[in-house]
Amino acid sequence: ENKVDVAHEATVGKIGDEDVFYLETRGLDDDDAKQMIVAGFIEPITEELPIEYAVELNRLIELEMEGSLG
């Protein structure tokens, strides 16, 4: 179609306890499991960025998550 509008709607929610538990049973601690879940969610965005920006975005997310989860 020539006249199509595409939009994306995002929501914010709590990281699922079941998801964290699954990763913990695979040997990750709580913080690493949560970090992996967030990193997996944001990966499609960081893949499109130049490497310098992607590295900085990942650092900012890690700093923001430090001590705020759990």
PDB file of N, CA and C in Angstrom:
ATOM      1  N   GLU A   1       0.830  -1.176   0.000  1.00  0.00           N
ATOM      2  CA  GLU A   1       0.000   0.000   0.000  1.00  0.00           C
ATOM      3  C   GLU A   1       0.871   1.234   0.000  1.00  0.00           C
ATOM      4  N   ASN A   2       0.408   2.275  -0.679  1.00  0.00           N
ATOM      5  CA  ASN A   2       1.148   3.528  -0.728  1.00  0.00           C
ATOM      6  C   ASN A   2       0.821   4.455   0.433  1.00  0.00           C
ATOM      7  N   LYS A   3      -0.311   4.248   1.054  1.00  0.00           N
ATOM      8  CA  LYS A   3      -0.754   5.156   2.118  1.00  0.00           C
ATOM      9  C   LYS A   3      -0.955   4.380   3.413  1.00  0.00           C
ATOM     10  N   VAL A   4       0.152   3.984   4.011  1.00  0.00           N
ATOM     11  CA  VAL A   4       0.092   3.201   5.237  1.00  0.00           C
ATOM     12  C   VAL A   4       0.848   3.922   6.335  1.00  0.00           C
ATOM     13  N   ASP A   5       0.249   4.012   7.498  1.00  0.00           N
ATOM     14  CA  ASP A   5       0.928   4.545   8.681  1.00  0.00           C
ATOM     15  C   ASP A   5       1.247   3.373   9.596  1.00  0.00           C
ATOM     16  N   VAL A   6       2.495   3.325  10.034  1.00  0.00           N
ATOM     17  CA  VAL A   6       2.927   2.262  10.935  1.00  0.00           C
ATOM     18  C   VAL A   6       3.345   2.905  12.239  1.00  0.00           C
ATOM     19  N   ALA A   7       2.915   2.332  13.334  1.00  0.00           N
ATOM     20  CA  ALA A   7       3.256   2.860  14.651  1.00  0.00           C
ATOM     21  C   ALA A   7       3.671   1.708  15.556  1.00  0.00           C
ATOM     22  N   HIS A   8       4.401   2.054  16.587  1.00  0.00           N
ATOM     23  CA  HIS A   8       4.810   1.065  17.562  1.00  0.00           C
ATOM     24  C   HIS A   8       4.424   1.575  18.939  1.00  0.00           C
ATOM     25  N   GLU A   9       3.826   0.711  19.701  1.00  0.00           N
ATOM     26  CA  GLU A   9       3.423   1.088  21.042  1.00  0.00           C
ATOM     27  C   GLU A   9       4.217   0.253  22.032  1.00  0.00           C
ATOM     28  N   ALA A  10       4.892   0.908  22.953  1.00  0.00           N
ATOM     29  CA  ALA A  10       5.700   0.212  23.945  1.00  0.00           C
ATOM     30  C   ALA A  10       5.028   0.319  25.313  1.00  0.00           C
ATOM     31  N   THR A  11       5.264  -0.672  26.120  1.00  0.00           N
ATOM     32  CA  THR A  11       4.786  -0.641  27.490  1.00  0.00           C
ATOM     33  C   THR A  11       5.952  -0.934  28.422  1.00  0.00           C
ATOM     34  N   VAL A  12       5.796  -0.511  29.640  1.00  0.00           N
ATOM     35  CA  VAL A  12       6.797  -0.769  30.662  1.00  0.00           C
ATOM     36  C   VAL A  12       6.155  -1.666  31.692  1.00  0.00           C
ATOM     37  N   GLY A  13       6.886  -2.675  32.088  1.00  0.00           N
ATOM     38  CA  GLY A  13       6.354  -3.580  33.087  1.00  0.00           C
ATOM     39  C   GLY A  13       7.470  -4.234  33.875  1.00  0.00           C
ATOM     40  N   LYS A  14       7.073  -4.936  34.868  1.00  0.00           N
ATOM     41  CA  LYS A  14       8.014  -5.646  35.735  1.00  0.00           C
ATOM     42  C   LYS A  14       8.594  -6.840  34.987  1.00  0.00           C
ATOM     43  N   ILE A  15       9.853  -7.098  35.224  1.00  0.00           N
ATOM     44  CA  ILE A  15      10.485  -8.292  34.658  1.00  0.00           C
ATOM     45  C   ILE A  15       9.858  -9.503  35.333  1.00  0.00           C
ATOM     46  N   GLY A  16       9.446 -10.466  34.533  1.00  0.00           N
ATOM     47  CA  GLY A  16       8.743 -11.629  35.063  1.00  0.00           C
ATOM     48  C   GLY A  16       9.604 -12.490  35.976  1.00  0.00           C
ATOM     49  N   ASP A  17       9.048 -12.837  37.123  1.00  0.00           N
ATOM     50  CA  ASP A  17       9.752 -13.698  38.075  1.00  0.00           C
ATOM     51  C   ASP A  17      10.096 -15.051  37.460  1.00  0.00           C
ATOM     52  N   GLU A  18       9.208 -15.562  36.606  1.00  0.00           N
ATOM     53  CA  GLU A  18       9.464 -16.849  35.964  1.00  0.00           C
ATOM     54  C   GLU A  18      10.668 -16.781  35.032  1.00  0.00           C
ATOM     55  N   ASP A  19      10.799 -15.647  34.319  1.00  0.00           N
ATOM     56  CA  ASP A  19      11.935 -15.467  33.410  1.00  0.00           C
ATOM     57  C   ASP A  19      13.247 -15.417  34.182  1.00  0.00           C
ATOM     58  N   VAL A  20      13.240 -14.677  35.288  1.00  0.00           N
ATOM     59  CA  VAL A  20      14.440 -14.575  36.121  1.00  0.00           C
ATOM     60  C   VAL A  20      14.774 -15.938  36.714  1.00  0.00           C
ATOM     61  N   PHE A  21      13.762 -16.635  37.211  1.00  0.00           N
ATOM     62  CA  PHE A  21      13.988 -17.963  37.795  1.00  0.00           C
ATOM     63  C   PHE A  21      14.597 -18.916  36.776  1.00  0.00           C
ATOM     64  N   TYR A  22      14.081 -18.889  35.563  1.00  0.00           N
ATOM     65  CA  TYR A  22      14.613 -19.764  34.519  1.00  0.00           C
ATOM     66  C   TYR A  22      16.111 -19.520  34.321  1.00  0.00           C
ATOM     67  N   LEU A  23      16.502 -18.263  34.220  1.00  0.00           N
ATOM     68  CA  LEU A  23      17.918 -17.949  34.012  1.00  0.00           C
ATOM     69  C   LEU A  23      18.755 -18.290  35.244  1.00  0.00           C
ATOM     70  N   GLU A  24      18.167 -18.122  36.424  1.00  0.00           N
ATOM     71  CA  GLU A  24      18.892 -18.488  37.644  1.00  0.00           C
ATOM     72  C   GLU A  24      19.139 -19.997  37.709  1.00  0.00           C
ATOM     73  N   THR A  25      18.201 -20.785  37.207  1.00  0.00           N
ATOM     74  CA  THR A  25      18.412 -22.236  37.195  1.00  0.00           C
ATOM     75  C   THR A  25      19.486 -22.632  36.196  1.00  0.00           C
ATOM     76  N   ARG A  26      19.845 -21.706  35.321  1.00  0.00           N
ATOM     77  CA  ARG A  26      20.914 -21.948  34.346  1.00  0.00           C
ATOM     78  C   ARG A  26      22.251 -21.388  34.824  1.00  0.00           C
ATOM     79  N   GLY A  27      22.309 -20.919  36.083  1.00  0.00           N
ATOM     80  CA  GLY A  27      23.572 -20.505  36.673  1.00  0.00           C
ATOM     81  C   GLY A  27      23.811 -19.013  36.801  1.00  0.00           C
ATOM     82  N   LEU A  28      22.859 -18.184  36.375  1.00  0.00           N
ATOM     83  CA  LEU A  28      23.033 -16.738  36.503  1.00  0.00           C
ATOM     84  C   LEU A  28      22.518 -16.269  37.855  1.00  0.00           C
ATOM     85  N   ASP A  29      23.141 -15.232  38.405  1.00  0.00           N
ATOM     86  CA  ASP A  29      22.576 -14.656  39.620  1.00  0.00           C
ATOM     87  C   ASP A  29      21.442 -13.706  39.230  1.00  0.00           C
ATOM     88  N   ASP A  30      20.746 -13.197  40.218  1.00  0.00           N
ATOM     89  CA  ASP A  30      19.548 -12.389  39.993  1.00  0.00           C
ATOM     90  C   ASP A  30      19.837 -11.163  39.124  1.00  0.00           C
ATOM     91  N   ASP A  31      20.863 -10.398  39.473  1.00  0.00           N
ATOM     92  CA  ASP A  31      21.179  -9.181  38.712  1.00  0.00           C
ATOM     93  C   ASP A  31      21.585  -9.482  37.279  1.00  0.00           C
ATOM     94  N   ASP A  32      22.397 -10.521  37.083  1.00  0.00           N
ATOM     95  CA  ASP A  32      22.821 -10.887  35.730  1.00  0.00           C
ATOM     96  C   ASP A  32      21.633 -11.352  34.890  1.00  0.00           C
ATOM     97  N   ALA A  33      20.717 -12.070  35.513  1.00  0.00           N
ATOM     98  CA  ALA A  33      19.529 -12.539  34.793  1.00  0.00           C
ATOM     99  C   ALA A  33      18.684 -11.355  34.319  1.00  0.00           C
ATOM    100  N   LYS A  34      18.482 -10.398  35.189  1.00  0.00           N
ATOM    101  CA  LYS A  34      17.686  -9.221  34.824  1.00  0.00           C
ATOM    102  C   LYS A  34      18.382  -8.401  33.751  1.00  0.00           C
ATOM    103  N   GLN A  35      19.693  -8.266  33.885  1.00  0.00           N
ATOM    104  CA  GLN A  35      20.459  -7.532  32.877  1.00  0.00           C
ATOM    105  C   GLN A  35      20.340  -8.212  31.517  1.00  0.00           C
ATOM    106  N   MET A  36      20.391  -9.536  31.495  1.00  0.00           N
ATOM    107  CA  MET A  36      20.290 -10.278  30.236  1.00  0.00           C
ATOM    108  C   MET A  36      18.914 -10.093  29.590  1.00  0.00           C
ATOM    109  N   ILE A  37      17.880 -10.077  30.402  1.00  0.00           N
ATOM    110  CA  ILE A  37      16.525  -9.890  29.878  1.00  0.00           C
ATOM    111  C   ILE A  37      16.387  -8.505  29.243  1.00  0.00           C
ATOM    112  N   VAL A  38      16.857  -7.481  29.928  1.00  0.00           N
ATOM    113  CA  VAL A  38      16.774  -6.119  29.405  1.00  0.00           C
ATOM    114  C   VAL A  38      17.631  -5.983  28.149  1.00  0.00           C
ATOM    115  N   ALA A  39      18.832  -6.549  28.185  1.00  0.00           N
ATOM    116  CA  ALA A  39      19.736  -6.467  27.026  1.00  0.00           C
ATOM    117  C   ALA A  39      19.107  -7.150  25.809  1.00  0.00           C
ATOM    118  N   GLY A  40      18.429  -8.257  26.019  1.00  0.00           N
ATOM    119  CA  GLY A  40      17.773  -8.951  24.919  1.00  0.00           C
ATOM    120  C   GLY A  40      16.634  -8.147  24.332  1.00  0.00           C
ATOM    121  N   PHE A  41      15.954  -7.399  25.180  1.00  0.00           N
ATOM    122  CA  PHE A  41      14.850  -6.567  24.711  1.00  0.00           C
ATOM    123  C   PHE A  41      15.361  -5.396  23.872  1.00  0.00           C
ATOM    124  N   ILE A  42      16.487  -4.813  24.282  1.00  0.00           N
ATOM    125  CA  ILE A  42      17.011  -3.615  23.626  1.00  0.00           C
ATOM    126  C   ILE A  42      17.929  -3.938  22.452  1.00  0.00           C
ATOM    127  N   GLU A  43      18.325  -5.191  22.299  1.00  0.00           N
ATOM    128  CA  GLU A  43      19.285  -5.584  21.262  1.00  0.00           C
ATOM    129  C   GLU A  43      18.898  -5.171  19.848  1.00  0.00           C
ATOM    130  N   PRO A  44      17.645  -5.335  19.431  1.00  0.00           N
ATOM    131  CA  PRO A  44      17.311  -4.918  18.059  1.00  0.00           C
ATOM    132  C   PRO A  44      17.580  -3.438  17.797  1.00  0.00           C
ATOM    133  N   ILE A  45      17.466  -2.623  18.827  1.00  0.00           N
ATOM    134  CA  ILE A  45      17.738  -1.193  18.669  1.00  0.00           C
ATOM    135  C   ILE A  45      19.235  -0.949  18.583  1.00  0.00           C
ATOM    136  N   THR A  46      19.990  -1.561  19.490  1.00  0.00           N
ATOM    137  CA  THR A  46      21.433  -1.323  19.506  1.00  0.00           C
ATOM    138  C   THR A  46      22.120  -1.864  18.259  1.00  0.00           C
ATOM    139  N   GLU A  47      21.554  -2.883  17.627  1.00  0.00           N
ATOM    140  CA  GLU A  47      22.138  -3.430  16.401  1.00  0.00           C
ATOM    141  C   GLU A  47      22.094  -2.425  15.248  1.00  0.00           C
ATOM    142  N   GLU A  48      21.148  -1.502  15.301  1.00  0.00           N
ATOM    143  CA  GLU A  48      21.004  -0.508  14.239  1.00  0.00           C
ATOM    144  C   GLU A  48      21.870   0.731  14.465  1.00  0.00           C
ATOM    145  N   LEU A  49      22.403   0.888  15.659  1.00  0.00           N
ATOM    146  CA  LEU A  49      23.208   2.055  15.982  1.00  0.00           C
ATOM    147  C   LEU A  49      24.673   1.850  15.603  1.00  0.00           C
ATOM    148  N   PRO A  50      25.389   2.935  15.345  1.00  0.00           N
ATOM    149  CA  PRO A  50      26.843   2.806  15.206  1.00  0.00           C
ATOM    150  C   PRO A  50      27.422   2.244  16.512  1.00  0.00           C
ATOM    151  N   ILE A  51      28.492   1.488  16.437  1.00  0.00           N
ATOM    152  CA  ILE A  51      29.025   0.764  17.586  1.00  0.00           C
ATOM    153  C   ILE A  51      29.299   1.676  18.780  1.00  0.00           C
ATOM    154  N   GLU A  52      29.789   2.884  18.540  1.00  0.00           N
ATOM    155  CA  GLU A  52      30.088   3.792  19.650  1.00  0.00           C
ATOM    156  C   GLU A  52      28.835   4.141  20.436  1.00  0.00           C
ATOM    157  N   TYR A  53      27.746   4.384  19.730  1.00  0.00           N
ATOM    158  CA  TYR A  53      26.490   4.714  20.388  1.00  0.00           C
ATOM    159  C   TYR A  53      25.888   3.504  21.088  1.00  0.00           C
ATOM    160  N   ALA A  54      25.994   2.354  20.471  1.00  0.00           N
ATOM    161  CA  ALA A  54      25.452   1.138  21.075  1.00  0.00           C
ATOM    162  C   ALA A  54      26.161   0.817  22.381  1.00  0.00           C
ATOM    163  N   VAL A  55      27.483   0.957  22.395  1.00  0.00           N
ATOM    164  CA  VAL A  55      28.247   0.702  23.618  1.00  0.00           C
ATOM    165  C   VAL A  55      27.826   1.678  24.703  1.00  0.00           C
ATOM    166  N   GLU A  56      27.684   2.939  24.349  1.00  0.00           N
ATOM    167  CA  GLU A  56      27.290   3.951  25.328  1.00  0.00           C
ATOM    168  C   GLU A  56      25.875   3.708  25.838  1.00  0.00           C
ATOM    169  N   LEU A  57      24.961   3.343  24.962  1.00  0.00           N
ATOM    170  CA  LEU A  57      23.590   3.040  25.383  1.00  0.00           C
ATOM    171  C   LEU A  57      23.579   1.874  26.362  1.00  0.00           C
ATOM    172  N   ASN A  58      24.321   0.831  26.068  1.00  0.00           N
ATOM    173  CA  ASN A  58      24.394  -0.322  26.976  1.00  0.00           C
ATOM    174  C   ASN A  58      24.961   0.077  28.333  1.00  0.00           C
ATOM    175  N   ARG A  59      25.976   0.947  28.349  1.00  0.00           N
ATOM    176  CA  ARG A  59      26.543   1.421  29.616  1.00  0.00           C
ATOM    177  C   ARG A  59      25.509   2.220  30.413  1.00  0.00           C
ATOM    178  N   LEU A  60      24.776   3.086  29.722  1.00  0.00           N
ATOM    179  CA  LEU A  60      23.765   3.891  30.405  1.00  0.00           C
ATOM    180  C   LEU A  60      22.661   3.019  30.996  1.00  0.00           C
ATOM    181  N   ILE A  61      22.233   2.023  30.262  1.00  0.00           N
ATOM    182  CA  ILE A  61      21.201   1.115  30.768  1.00  0.00           C
ATOM    183  C   ILE A  61      21.715   0.358  31.981  1.00  0.00           C
ATOM    184  N   GLU A  62      22.946  -0.108  31.912  1.00  0.00           N
ATOM    185  CA  GLU A  62      23.537  -0.828  33.040  1.00  0.00           C
ATOM    186  C   GLU A  62      23.621   0.064  34.277  1.00  0.00           C
ATOM    187  N   LEU A  63      24.051   1.313  34.089  1.00  0.00           N
ATOM    188  CA  LEU A  63      24.115   2.240  35.222  1.00  0.00           C
ATOM    189  C   LEU A  63      22.732   2.524  35.793  1.00  0.00           C
ATOM    190  N   GLU A  64      21.749   2.669  34.931  1.00  0.00           N
ATOM    191  CA  GLU A  64      20.390   2.953  35.382  1.00  0.00           C
ATOM    192  C   GLU A  64      19.816   1.777  36.176  1.00  0.00           C
ATOM    193  N   MET A  65      20.164   0.563  35.758  1.00  0.00           N
ATOM    194  CA  MET A  65      19.638  -0.626  36.424  1.00  0.00           C
ATOM    195  C   MET A  65      20.349  -0.913  37.745  1.00  0.00           C
ATOM    196  N   GLU A  66      21.561  -0.438  37.909  1.00  0.00           N
ATOM    197  CA  GLU A  66      22.358  -0.729  39.082  1.00  0.00           C
ATOM    198  C   GLU A  66      21.624  -0.310  40.359  1.00  0.00           C
ATOM    199  N   GLY A  67      21.301  -1.280  41.168  1.00  0.00           N
ATOM    200  CA  GLY A  67      20.647  -1.004  42.438  1.00  0.00           C
ATOM    201  C   GLY A  67      19.175  -0.691  42.367  1.00  0.00           C
ATOM    202  N   SER A  68      18.601  -0.595  41.167  1.00  0.00           N
ATOM    203  CA  SER A  68      17.194  -0.228  41.051  1.00  0.00           C
ATOM    204  C   SER A  68      16.274  -1.432  40.916  1.00  0.00           C
ATOM    205  N   LEU A  69      16.826  -2.596  40.643  1.00  0.00           N
ATOM    206  CA  LEU A  69      16.012  -3.792  40.458  1.00  0.00           C
ATOM    207  C   LEU A  69      16.092  -4.669  41.692  1.00  0.00           C
ATOM    208  N   GLY A  70      15.011  -5.405  41.875  1.00  0.00           N
ATOM    209  CA  GLY A  70      15.082  -6.418  42.901  1.00  0.00           C
ATOM    210  C   GLY A  70      14.317  -6.063  44.105  1.00  0.00           C
TER     211      GLY A  70
END
